[in-house]
Amino acid sequence: MMKWIVCLFLFISALHSHAQENANPYDVQVSVISEDGYFKIQASYAVPIDICAAYAFITDYEGAKSIPGIVESKVISRTRNKVRVQRLIREQILFFPVEMKSLMEYTETPNKLITFEQLSGDNKQYRGSWRLSEGKDKTLFRYEAIVEPHSIIPSLVIEYFVRNSIRSRFELMAQRAAQAKFTEYFACN
């Protein structure tokens, strides 16, 4: 009887491990650290597309509207490698409806790096980067950001929302990057 229980346990463990691997096909990794009123967010995922398609995807600022919560994402100006984007985000954090506006400036280094910083908006601070690196048959997307909310919503409520929703956002982005079809790669032409 004990052998049967051990075998059943090993079988269930193997199934659970296999299910977890299949549930995360893009190797999405997310870390959120809360410290002194701000959040440090690090995330990464790997998608089977080339670096040109990855760069086209990550710099499709107006296409960001396909991410839940982003209501508006409009390019305001483009000068050399600087792009200004007006964003409107609407979320429901527990019982609190939240609307955040921001003017973001992105600095592009083709096929490698996009840094961003909030120039004005509803956060005290929001800045970070996207780094791209090409592997054998995948491109690795690495995101780092510092977010300091300016809100009447208690910080524990915001932290709960961030910790419980951010992973699914990056999983969705990875899935959309894998499915995106870009007919023109501006950075690789």
Protein backbone atom coordinates (compact mmCIF):
# COMPACT_ATOMS: atom_id res chain seq x y z
CA MET A 1 0.00 0.00 0.00
CA MET A 2 2.83 2.41 0.87
CA LYS A 3 4.50 1.81 -2.51
CA TRP A 4 1.22 2.64 -4.25
CA ILE A 5 0.89 5.92 -2.30
CA VAL A 6 4.50 6.90 -3.09
CA CYS A 7 4.00 6.11 -6.80
CA LEU A 8 0.75 8.09 -6.86
CA PHE A 9 2.46 11.04 -5.15
CA LEU A 10 5.35 10.97 -7.67
CA PHE A 11 2.92 10.75 -10.59
CA ILE A 12 0.84 13.71 -9.33
CA SER A 13 4.02 15.71 -8.68
CA ALA A 14 5.23 15.04 -12.23
CA LEU A 15 1.86 16.09 -13.67
CA HIS A 16 1.85 19.25 -11.54
CA SER A 17 5.39 20.11 -12.65
CA HIS A 18 4.50 19.52 -16.31
CA ALA A 19 1.35 21.64 -15.96
CA GLN A 20 3.37 24.50 -14.44
CA GLU A 21 5.86 24.37 -17.32
CA ASN A 22 3.04 24.43 -19.91
CA ALA A 23 1.29 27.26 -18.06
CA ASN A 24 4.41 29.44 -18.44
CA PRO A 25 5.64 28.77 -22.00
CA TYR A 26 7.49 32.10 -22.21
CA ASP A 27 9.38 31.65 -18.93
CA VAL A 28 7.73 34.72 -17.39
CA GLN A 29 9.58 35.83 -14.26
CA VAL A 30 8.29 38.66 -12.05
CA SER A 31 9.63 40.25 -8.89
CA VAL A 32 7.97 43.09 -6.95
CA ILE A 33 9.73 44.69 -4.00
CA SER A 34 7.95 47.30 -1.90
CA GLU A 35 10.25 49.74 -0.16
CA ASP A 36 9.72 53.19 1.40
CA GLY A 37 6.57 54.01 -0.56
CA TYR A 38 7.74 52.83 -3.97
CA PHE A 39 7.83 49.57 -5.89
CA LYS A 40 10.78 48.08 -7.70
CA ILE A 41 9.49 45.79 -10.44
CA GLN A 42 11.60 43.38 -12.44
CA ALA A 43 10.17 41.06 -15.05
CA SER A 44 11.35 39.03 -17.99
CA TYR A 45 10.03 36.70 -20.63
CA ALA A 46 11.43 34.92 -23.69
CA VAL A 47 9.51 34.79 -26.96
CA PRO A 48 10.38 32.81 -30.11
CA ILE A 49 10.70 35.88 -32.37
CA ASP A 50 13.74 37.67 -33.75
CA ILE A 51 15.14 40.85 -32.23
CA CYS A 52 13.65 43.06 -34.96
CA ALA A 53 10.12 41.81 -34.31
CA ALA A 54 10.70 42.14 -30.55
CA TYR A 55 11.82 45.75 -30.95
CA ALA A 56 8.87 46.54 -33.23
CA PHE A 57 6.52 45.02 -30.65
CA ILE A 58 7.94 46.88 -27.65
CA THR A 59 7.99 50.23 -29.48
CA ASP A 60 4.40 49.91 -30.72
CA TYR A 61 3.28 52.46 -28.14
CA GLU A 62 -0.22 52.88 -29.53
CA GLY A 63 -0.66 49.11 -29.63
CA ALA A 64 -0.31 49.11 -25.82
CA LYS A 65 -4.07 49.72 -25.71
CA SER A 66 -4.47 45.96 -26.08
CA ILE A 67 -3.13 45.51 -22.53
CA PRO A 68 -5.95 45.49 -19.93
CA GLY A 69 -6.24 48.77 -18.06
CA ILE A 70 -4.61 50.93 -20.75
CA VAL A 71 -7.45 52.98 -22.22
CA GLU A 72 -5.37 55.41 -24.24
CA SER A 73 -1.80 55.36 -25.49
CA LYS A 74 -1.08 58.03 -28.06
CA VAL A 75 2.24 59.17 -29.54
CA ILE A 76 2.42 62.95 -29.03
CA SER A 77 5.83 63.60 -30.59
CA ARG A 78 8.81 61.80 -32.07
CA THR A 79 12.22 63.50 -32.30
CA ARG A 80 15.23 61.38 -33.26
CA ASN A 81 15.31 58.62 -30.65
CA LYS A 82 12.87 60.29 -28.20
CA VAL A 83 9.17 59.49 -28.22
CA ARG A 84 6.55 61.14 -26.02
CA VAL A 85 3.41 59.15 -25.29
CA GLN A 86 0.23 60.27 -23.52
CA ARG A 87 -1.32 57.43 -21.49
CA LEU A 88 -4.58 56.95 -19.66
CA ILE A 89 -5.00 53.94 -17.40
CA ARG A 90 -8.21 52.87 -15.67
CA GLU A 91 -8.21 50.13 -13.07
CA GLN A 92 -10.45 48.82 -10.34
CA ILE A 93 -8.36 48.15 -7.22
CA LEU A 94 -10.69 46.26 -4.89
CA PHE A 95 -13.47 48.81 -4.33
CA PHE A 96 -11.50 51.80 -5.58
CA PRO A 97 -11.81 52.98 -9.19
CA VAL A 98 -8.46 54.43 -10.26
CA GLU A 99 -7.66 56.60 -13.26
CA MET A 100 -4.08 57.62 -13.95
CA LYS A 101 -2.81 59.94 -16.64
CA SER A 102 0.80 60.31 -17.63
CA LEU A 103 3.08 61.83 -20.21
CA MET A 104 5.92 59.39 -20.78
CA GLU A 105 9.19 59.94 -22.62
CA TYR A 106 10.85 56.90 -24.19
CA THR A 107 14.46 56.92 -25.38
CA GLU A 108 15.10 54.25 -27.98
CA THR A 109 18.34 52.42 -28.73
CA PRO A 110 17.27 50.19 -31.64
CA ASN A 111 17.12 46.46 -30.97
CA LYS A 112 18.69 46.80 -27.51
CA LEU A 113 17.16 49.19 -25.02
CA ILE A 114 14.21 51.46 -24.39
CA THR A 115 14.37 53.66 -21.31
CA PHE A 116 11.32 55.55 -20.09
CA GLU A 117 10.43 58.22 -17.60
CA GLN A 118 7.21 59.92 -16.58
CA LEU A 119 7.51 63.63 -17.39
CA SER A 120 4.17 64.47 -15.78
CA GLY A 121 1.32 62.48 -14.39
CA ASP A 122 -0.40 60.92 -11.46
CA ASN A 123 2.55 58.95 -10.08
CA LYS A 124 5.20 60.71 -8.05
CA GLN A 125 7.75 58.75 -10.04
CA TYR A 126 7.72 56.16 -12.81
CA ARG A 127 10.89 55.29 -14.71
CA GLY A 128 12.63 52.23 -16.01
CA SER A 129 13.76 50.29 -19.03
CA TRP A 130 13.13 47.46 -21.45
CA ARG A 131 16.23 45.51 -22.52
CA LEU A 132 16.21 43.09 -25.41
CA SER A 133 18.75 40.34 -25.99
CA GLU A 134 18.69 37.78 -28.74
CA GLY A 135 19.23 34.11 -28.03
CA LYS A 136 19.48 31.12 -30.30
CA ASP A 137 15.81 31.08 -31.33
CA LYS A 138 14.22 33.54 -28.89
CA THR A 139 14.42 37.12 -27.75
CA LEU A 140 14.59 37.87 -24.04
CA PHE A 141 12.58 40.89 -22.86
CA ARG A 142 13.78 42.33 -19.52
CA TYR A 143 11.77 45.04 -17.76
CA GLU A 144 12.86 47.06 -14.74
CA ALA A 145 10.94 49.94 -13.21
CA ILE A 146 10.61 52.11 -10.15
CA VAL A 147 7.05 53.22 -9.43
CA GLU A 148 6.15 55.62 -6.66
CA PRO A 149 2.37 56.03 -6.57
CA HIS A 150 0.72 59.28 -5.56
CA SER A 151 -2.68 58.11 -4.45
CA ILE A 152 -5.29 58.39 -1.76
CA ILE A 153 -5.61 54.61 -1.90
CA PRO A 154 -3.76 52.98 1.01
CA SER A 155 -0.35 51.62 0.01
CA LEU A 156 -1.25 48.11 1.24
CA VAL A 157 -4.16 48.03 -1.21
CA ILE A 158 -1.91 49.19 -4.07
CA GLU A 159 0.72 46.62 -3.12
CA TYR A 160 -1.90 43.86 -3.11
CA PHE A 161 -3.07 44.90 -6.59
CA VAL A 162 0.47 45.13 -8.00
CA ARG A 163 1.55 41.78 -6.61
CA ASN A 164 -1.60 39.99 -7.78
CA SER A 165 -2.08 41.47 -11.25
CA ILE A 166 1.34 42.21 -12.67
CA ARG A 167 2.32 38.63 -13.52
CA SER A 168 -0.77 38.13 -15.68
CA ARG A 169 0.02 41.40 -17.51
CA PHE A 170 3.50 40.21 -18.45
CA GLU A 171 2.15 36.79 -19.45
CA LEU A 172 -0.34 38.52 -21.74
CA MET A 173 2.41 40.72 -23.22
CA ALA A 174 4.57 37.66 -23.92
CA GLN A 175 1.65 35.91 -25.59
CA ARG A 176 0.86 38.98 -27.72
CA ALA A 177 4.52 39.40 -28.71
CA ALA A 178 4.61 35.77 -29.86
CA GLN A 179 1.44 36.25 -31.92
CA ALA A 180 2.28 39.69 -33.35
CA LYS A 181 2.94 39.94 -37.05
CA PHE A 182 5.05 42.90 -38.11
CA THR A 183 5.36 43.41 -41.83
CA GLU A 184 7.95 46.14 -41.45
CA TYR A 185 10.89 46.18 -39.07
CA PHE A 186 11.87 49.83 -38.99
CA ALA A 187 14.92 49.16 -36.84
CA CYS A 188 16.29 46.39 -39.04
CA ASN A 189 15.83 47.89 -42.47
